[in-house]
Amino acid sequence: MTDTNGKQNPEIKQNQKKLRVFLLFLILSILFWSLIKLSKEYIADVEFDLVYSDIPNNKLIQNEPDQKVKLTLKTIGFKLLKYEFRKKFLDYSLTEIERKGGSMYYSETRSNINYLQAQLSAETVVLNVEPDTLFFDLGVKRSKKVPVVSQMEFSFKTGFNFVGNHTLSPAEVTISGPEKVIDTINEVLTSSFHLTDISESFEQSVSLEVPNESIVLSEESIMVIGVVDKITDGSYNLPFEVINLPRNVIISTYPKKVKVVYQVALKDYNKIPENSFRIQCDYKQTQDNDLDYLIPKLVDMPEMITNVKIVPNKVEFLLKKQ
């Protein structure tokens, strides 16, 4: 409230001053009370994340062991507050690990209680650890080579294509890790990648997908190499042979020849002779699969051609006994 001269009422000013003094003493009281409380000793349970060390030579952890322990701590309030609100990692040594049987091992956490306590402040005493036992599946560290399988996709400008197949370098990588995991992995995949509008040869670095988090790859990435050129279509009408015919049997086929259609780099078009192709129909395959036709297959062809197909892909036949 103000008077006609705009001056504040003296009574209001006095009340505001008293309020400020009261709030100051209240804050100081809370502060001193908190300091007294936090300086006292308490017992409380606190969770810590574990990082394992001193794994025996040539061994790797194959399972997913416990990642946390709960410690019952006796310490002053200040330290408890720190442990509760600041994420803390504890190193857990496997030097005193015991074998349970096979590849299974265990460690009694109380045997490591002094080691855990040494990582905490001097005012802190560890009274108990949970769980009381940690279990580990330890496997022998192994390495082997596996092929790399491409997950890349390619789209070309009209009139262009690969000359031969694209290649991976290296085509194999070494994987290392626990024996139990290594035995389940037979290949490593590249990351998915799509190259578009390709009209010239290329070398593209592509990362590899790690098949398991416990596995280490000898290479993080590989090179995908593609030789690209202008392409054209080529074709030949060619005879074929029928193999694995029963004795004393004559076979008549329709048609007598099939058409081989392929693509080849324009510069290599005249380097593809007719006799560089060989086509066979396996009568045994027809018989084993109870088919009424033969399936022509290319057993020899030039390496430089791509997108090969045979027309027709089925051959009718008639058998006659001699």
Protein backbone atom coordinates (compact mmCIF):
# COMPACT_ATOMS: atom_id res chain seq x y z
CA MET A 1 0.00 0.00 0.00
CA THR A 2 1.33 3.47 -0.84
CA ASP A 3 0.40 6.97 0.32
CA THR A 4 -0.52 9.86 -1.98
CA ASN A 5 3.17 10.71 -2.46
CA GLY A 6 3.90 7.22 -3.76
CA LYS A 7 5.90 6.18 -0.69
CA GLN A 8 5.59 2.61 0.63
CA ASN A 9 3.82 2.14 3.97
CA PRO A 10 6.49 1.75 6.74
CA GLU A 11 4.58 -1.16 8.26
CA ILE A 12 4.73 -3.17 4.99
CA LYS A 13 8.44 -2.48 4.66
CA GLN A 14 9.00 -3.75 8.19
CA ASN A 15 7.06 -6.96 7.49
CA GLN A 16 9.05 -7.66 4.32
CA LYS A 17 12.30 -7.23 6.23
CA LYS A 18 11.16 -9.68 8.90
CA LEU A 19 10.17 -12.21 6.18
CA ARG A 20 13.60 -12.00 4.57
CA VAL A 21 15.32 -12.55 7.90
CA PHE A 22 13.06 -15.51 8.65
CA LEU A 23 13.78 -17.14 5.26
CA LEU A 24 17.52 -16.66 5.73
CA PHE A 25 17.46 -18.37 9.13
CA LEU A 26 15.24 -21.15 7.72
CA ILE A 27 17.69 -21.86 4.89
CA LEU A 28 20.65 -21.81 7.29
CA SER A 29 18.83 -24.16 9.64
CA ILE A 30 18.07 -26.64 6.84
CA LEU A 31 21.67 -26.43 5.65
CA PHE A 32 23.14 -27.09 9.09
CA TRP A 33 20.62 -29.87 9.70
CA SER A 34 21.58 -31.51 6.38
CA LEU A 35 25.30 -31.24 7.18
CA ILE A 36 24.78 -32.88 10.55
CA LYS A 37 22.68 -35.68 9.02
CA LEU A 38 25.07 -36.34 6.12
CA SER A 39 28.08 -36.47 8.43
CA LYS A 40 26.58 -39.42 10.35
CA GLU A 41 27.21 -43.08 9.43
CA TYR A 42 24.54 -45.09 7.61
CA ILE A 43 24.12 -48.60 6.25
CA ALA A 44 22.52 -48.87 2.81
CA ASP A 45 22.45 -51.06 -0.34
CA VAL A 46 23.98 -49.55 -3.47
CA GLU A 47 24.15 -51.11 -6.98
CA PHE A 48 27.39 -50.95 -9.00
CA ASP A 49 28.13 -51.94 -12.60
CA LEU A 50 30.87 -54.55 -13.07
CA VAL A 51 33.81 -54.63 -15.46
CA TYR A 52 35.59 -57.99 -15.54
CA SER A 53 39.38 -58.25 -15.66
CA ASP A 54 42.18 -60.85 -15.29
CA ILE A 55 40.39 -63.40 -17.49
CA PRO A 56 42.59 -66.56 -17.70
CA ASN A 57 44.96 -66.75 -20.70
CA ASN A 58 43.46 -67.98 -23.99
CA LYS A 59 39.96 -67.88 -22.47
CA LEU A 60 36.96 -65.73 -23.35
CA ILE A 61 33.62 -65.25 -21.60
CA GLN A 62 30.99 -67.05 -23.71
CA ASN A 63 27.87 -66.28 -21.68
CA GLU A 64 26.38 -63.01 -20.45
CA PRO A 65 27.47 -62.88 -16.78
CA ASP A 66 25.90 -60.63 -14.16
CA GLN A 67 26.61 -57.01 -15.01
CA LYS A 68 25.75 -55.59 -11.57
CA VAL A 69 26.38 -56.29 -7.90
CA LYS A 70 24.57 -54.92 -4.87
CA LEU A 71 26.92 -53.86 -2.07
CA THR A 72 25.76 -53.27 1.49
CA LEU A 73 27.84 -50.27 2.54
CA LYS A 74 28.56 -48.62 5.88
CA THR A 75 29.68 -45.08 5.33
CA ILE A 76 28.85 -41.43 5.98
CA GLY A 77 25.86 -39.84 4.33
CA PHE A 78 27.96 -37.70 1.99
CA LYS A 79 29.52 -40.80 0.42
CA LEU A 80 26.18 -42.60 0.11
CA LEU A 81 24.78 -39.61 -1.69
CA LYS A 82 27.72 -39.72 -4.09
CA TYR A 83 27.31 -43.46 -4.76
CA GLU A 84 23.58 -43.10 -5.33
CA PHE A 85 23.70 -40.27 -7.85
CA ARG A 86 26.99 -40.83 -9.66
CA LYS A 87 27.20 -43.89 -11.93
CA LYS A 88 30.09 -46.02 -10.69
CA PHE A 89 31.92 -48.97 -12.22
CA LEU A 90 33.79 -51.54 -10.18
CA ASP A 91 36.53 -53.76 -11.54
CA TYR A 92 35.99 -57.45 -10.73
CA SER A 93 39.08 -59.67 -10.94
CA LEU A 94 38.81 -63.31 -12.06
CA THR A 95 42.18 -64.35 -10.64
CA GLU A 96 40.55 -66.59 -8.03
CA ILE A 97 37.97 -68.15 -10.32
CA GLU A 98 37.10 -71.81 -9.66
CA ARG A 99 36.09 -74.50 -12.15
CA LYS A 100 32.63 -75.98 -11.69
CA GLY A 101 32.77 -78.46 -14.57
CA GLY A 102 33.27 -78.43 -18.33
CA SER A 103 33.55 -74.82 -19.46
CA MET A 104 31.65 -73.48 -16.43
CA TYR A 105 33.48 -71.51 -13.72
CA TYR A 106 32.37 -69.60 -10.65
CA SER A 107 33.62 -66.89 -8.31
CA GLU A 108 32.41 -66.32 -4.76
CA THR A 109 31.97 -62.58 -4.46
CA ARG A 110 33.09 -62.50 -0.81
CA SER A 111 36.55 -63.60 -1.95
CA ASN A 112 36.78 -60.30 -3.82
CA ILE A 113 35.28 -58.12 -1.09
CA ASN A 114 38.60 -56.50 -0.12
CA TYR A 115 39.38 -55.83 -3.79
CA LEU A 116 35.98 -54.17 -4.25
CA GLN A 117 36.34 -52.12 -1.06
CA ALA A 118 39.77 -50.85 -2.14
CA GLN A 119 38.05 -49.14 -5.09
CA LEU A 120 35.78 -47.15 -2.75
CA SER A 121 36.58 -44.30 -0.39
CA ALA A 122 38.52 -44.87 2.84
CA GLU A 123 35.40 -44.05 4.92
CA THR A 124 33.41 -46.87 3.26
CA VAL A 125 33.16 -50.45 4.57
CA VAL A 126 31.62 -53.23 2.43
CA LEU A 127 29.48 -55.43 4.70
CA ASN A 128 27.93 -57.74 2.10
CA VAL A 129 27.86 -58.51 -1.64
CA GLU A 130 24.94 -59.85 -3.69
CA PRO A 131 24.81 -62.17 -5.50
CA ASP A 132 27.08 -64.36 -3.40
CA THR A 133 28.32 -66.24 -6.51
CA LEU A 134 28.99 -65.23 -10.11
CA PHE A 135 29.01 -67.86 -12.90
CA PHE A 136 31.01 -67.80 -16.12
CA ASP A 137 31.10 -69.92 -19.26
CA LEU A 138 34.72 -69.65 -20.39
CA GLY A 139 35.61 -70.94 -23.85
CA VAL A 140 38.91 -71.39 -25.63
CA LYS A 141 39.83 -68.48 -27.88
CA ARG A 142 39.72 -69.65 -31.51
CA SER A 143 40.26 -68.17 -34.93
CA LYS A 144 39.19 -69.26 -38.40
CA LYS A 145 38.75 -67.88 -41.89
CA VAL A 146 35.26 -67.44 -43.33
CA PRO A 147 34.07 -66.09 -46.69
CA VAL A 148 32.65 -62.59 -47.06
CA VAL A 149 29.16 -62.47 -48.59
CA SER A 150 28.10 -59.28 -50.36
CA GLN A 151 24.75 -57.65 -49.59
CA MET A 152 25.36 -54.92 -52.15
CA GLU A 153 22.91 -54.07 -54.92
CA PHE A 154 23.85 -52.57 -58.28
CA SER A 155 21.87 -50.54 -60.80
CA PHE A 156 23.44 -49.62 -64.15
CA LYS A 157 22.85 -46.92 -66.71
CA THR A 158 21.24 -48.29 -69.86
CA GLY A 159 23.76 -50.20 -71.98
CA PHE A 160 26.26 -50.84 -69.16
CA ASN A 161 26.94 -53.87 -66.99
CA PHE A 162 29.68 -55.84 -65.28
CA VAL A 163 32.39 -57.47 -67.32
CA GLY A 164 32.47 -60.77 -65.45
CA ASN A 165 31.46 -60.81 -61.79
CA HIS A 166 32.27 -58.16 -59.22
CA THR A 167 34.90 -59.25 -56.69
CA LEU A 168 35.52 -58.74 -52.98
CA SER A 169 38.97 -57.94 -51.62
CA PRO A 170 39.69 -59.71 -49.38
CA ALA A 171 37.20 -62.47 -50.16
CA GLU A 172 37.83 -64.02 -46.72
CA VAL A 173 38.38 -62.59 -43.25
CA THR A 174 39.62 -64.10 -40.00
CA ILE A 175 37.20 -64.15 -37.09
CA SER A 176 38.40 -64.63 -33.50
CA GLY A 177 36.41 -65.29 -30.36
CA PRO A 178 35.01 -67.93 -28.02
CA GLU A 179 35.05 -71.43 -29.52
CA LYS A 180 31.34 -71.95 -28.87
CA VAL A 181 30.48 -68.82 -30.88
CA ILE A 182 33.09 -69.29 -33.62
CA ASP A 183 31.71 -72.75 -34.46
CA THR A 184 28.29 -71.24 -35.34
CA ILE A 185 29.61 -68.64 -37.83
CA ASN A 186 30.30 -69.68 -41.42
CA GLU A 187 30.25 -66.32 -43.19
CA VAL A 188 30.49 -62.58 -42.64
CA LEU A 189 28.14 -60.18 -44.41
CA THR A 190 28.89 -56.78 -45.83
CA SER A 191 26.61 -53.95 -44.83
CA SER A 192 23.71 -53.30 -47.18
CA PHE A 193 24.66 -50.82 -49.88
CA HIS A 194 23.09 -49.80 -53.20
CA LEU A 195 25.17 -48.32 -56.04
CA THR A 196 23.06 -46.63 -58.71
CA ASP A 197 23.56 -45.25 -62.23
CA ILE A 198 26.81 -47.16 -62.71
CA SER A 199 28.56 -46.49 -66.01
CA GLU A 200 32.23 -47.04 -65.18
CA SER A 201 34.46 -49.41 -63.24
CA PHE A 202 34.66 -48.79 -59.49
CA GLU A 203 36.27 -49.73 -56.19
CA GLN A 204 33.94 -49.19 -53.25
CA SER A 205 34.83 -49.59 -49.57
CA VAL A 206 32.06 -51.35 -47.63
CA SER A 207 31.97 -52.05 -43.89
CA LEU A 208 31.45 -55.56 -42.52
CA GLU A 209 28.71 -56.58 -40.10
CA VAL A 210 30.03 -58.13 -36.89
CA PRO A 211 27.99 -61.33 -36.45
CA ASN A 212 28.34 -61.43 -32.64
CA GLU A 213 29.51 -58.86 -30.10
CA SER A 214 32.05 -61.35 -28.70
CA ILE A 215 33.67 -61.77 -32.15
CA VAL A 216 36.61 -59.76 -33.48
CA LEU A 217 37.13 -59.41 -37.26
CA SER A 218 40.54 -59.13 -38.90
CA GLU A 219 39.08 -56.42 -41.19
CA GLU A 220 36.52 -53.73 -40.47
CA SER A 221 35.79 -53.19 -44.16
CA ILE A 222 36.58 -54.63 -47.59
CA MET A 223 36.78 -53.35 -51.15
CA VAL A 224 34.11 -54.25 -53.70
CA ILE A 225 35.64 -54.12 -57.17
CA GLY A 226 33.58 -54.02 -60.36
CA VAL A 227 34.79 -53.85 -63.94
CA VAL A 228 32.08 -52.09 -65.95
CA ASP A 229 31.81 -51.51 -69.68
CA LYS A 230 29.29 -51.04 -72.47
CA ILE A 231 27.58 -54.34 -73.10
CA THR A 232 25.79 -56.00 -75.99
CA ASP A 233 23.74 -59.14 -76.46
CA GLY A 234 25.04 -62.26 -78.14
CA SER A 235 23.48 -65.65 -78.91
CA TYR A 236 24.16 -69.05 -80.49
CA ASN A 237 21.92 -71.95 -81.46
CA LEU A 238 23.84 -74.93 -80.08
CA PRO A 239 23.45 -78.69 -79.88
CA PHE A 240 23.54 -80.43 -76.51
CA GLU A 241 24.46 -83.88 -75.24
CA VAL A 242 22.37 -86.13 -73.02
CA ILE A 243 24.35 -87.94 -70.32
CA ASN A 244 23.58 -90.88 -68.01
CA LEU A 245 21.28 -92.61 -70.48
CA PRO A 246 20.40 -96.26 -69.75
CA ARG A 247 22.08 -98.87 -71.95
CA ASN A 248 20.39 -100.01 -75.14
CA VAL A 249 18.27 -96.84 -75.27
CA ILE A 250 18.05 -94.23 -78.02
CA ILE A 251 16.73 -90.80 -77.15
CA SER A 252 15.03 -88.32 -79.46
CA THR A 253 14.73 -84.73 -78.29
CA TYR A 254 12.72 -81.71 -79.31
CA PRO A 255 14.24 -79.33 -80.08
CA LYS A 256 17.58 -80.66 -81.25
CA LYS A 257 19.30 -77.40 -80.37
CA VAL A 258 18.82 -74.70 -77.77
CA LYS A 259 19.58 -71.01 -77.93
CA VAL A 260 22.20 -69.57 -75.55
CA VAL A 261 21.63 -65.86 -74.96
CA TYR A 262 24.22 -63.82 -73.10
CA GLN A 263 25.64 -60.37 -72.54
CA VAL A 264 29.26 -59.41 -73.13
CA ALA A 265 31.34 -56.25 -73.18
CA LEU A 266 31.17 -54.62 -76.60
CA LYS A 267 34.96 -54.81 -76.95
CA ASP A 268 34.86 -58.61 -76.35
CA TYR A 269 31.94 -59.43 -78.64
CA ASN A 270 34.15 -61.00 -81.31
CA LYS A 271 36.12 -63.01 -78.75
CA ILE A 272 33.28 -65.44 -77.96
CA PRO A 273 33.54 -68.47 -80.31
CA GLU A 274 30.68 -70.93 -80.67
CA ASN A 275 32.79 -73.85 -79.43
CA SER A 276 33.45 -72.12 -76.09
CA PHE A 277 30.01 -73.35 -74.90
CA ARG A 278 29.10 -76.88 -73.85
CA ILE A 279 25.56 -77.87 -72.88
CA GLN A 280 24.38 -81.08 -71.22
CA CYS A 281 21.08 -82.63 -70.18
CA ASP A 282 21.35 -85.15 -67.34
CA TYR A 283 18.83 -87.95 -67.82
CA LYS A 284 19.49 -89.19 -64.27
CA GLN A 285 18.30 -85.85 -62.88
CA THR A 286 15.10 -86.21 -64.89
CA GLN A 287 14.61 -89.79 -63.66
CA ASP A 288 15.40 -89.03 -60.00
CA ASN A 289 12.92 -86.15 -59.94
CA ASP A 290 10.24 -88.00 -61.93
CA LEU A 291 10.19 -85.34 -64.67
CA ASP A 292 8.86 -85.74 -68.21
CA TYR A 293 11.43 -83.34 -69.68
CA LEU A 294 15.17 -82.73 -69.72
CA ILE A 295 16.84 -79.63 -68.23
CA PRO A 296 19.67 -78.15 -70.34
CA LYS A 297 22.61 -76.77 -68.38
CA LEU A 298 25.77 -74.94 -69.35
CA VAL A 299 28.82 -76.88 -68.16
CA ASP A 300 31.37 -74.74 -70.01
CA MET A 301 31.21 -71.08 -71.06
CA PRO A 302 33.55 -68.07 -71.36
CA GLU A 303 34.25 -66.22 -68.11
CA MET A 304 33.71 -62.82 -69.71
CA ILE A 305 29.99 -63.27 -70.40
CA THR A 306 27.14 -62.43 -68.00
CA ASN A 307 23.35 -62.83 -67.71
CA VAL A 308 23.37 -66.17 -69.51
CA LYS A 309 20.13 -68.02 -70.20
CA ILE A 310 19.07 -71.01 -72.26
CA VAL A 311 15.93 -70.94 -74.41
CA PRO A 312 13.95 -73.12 -74.00
CA ASN A 313 14.83 -74.21 -70.48
CA LYS A 314 13.02 -77.55 -70.91
CA VAL A 315 13.59 -80.17 -73.60
CA GLU A 316 10.99 -82.79 -74.50
CA PHE A 317 12.23 -86.31 -75.23
CA LEU A 318 11.21 -89.77 -76.39
CA LEU A 319 13.03 -93.00 -75.53
CA LYS A 320 13.32 -96.01 -77.80
CA LYS A 321 14.92 -99.34 -77.02
CA GLN A 322 17.51 -100.62 -79.46
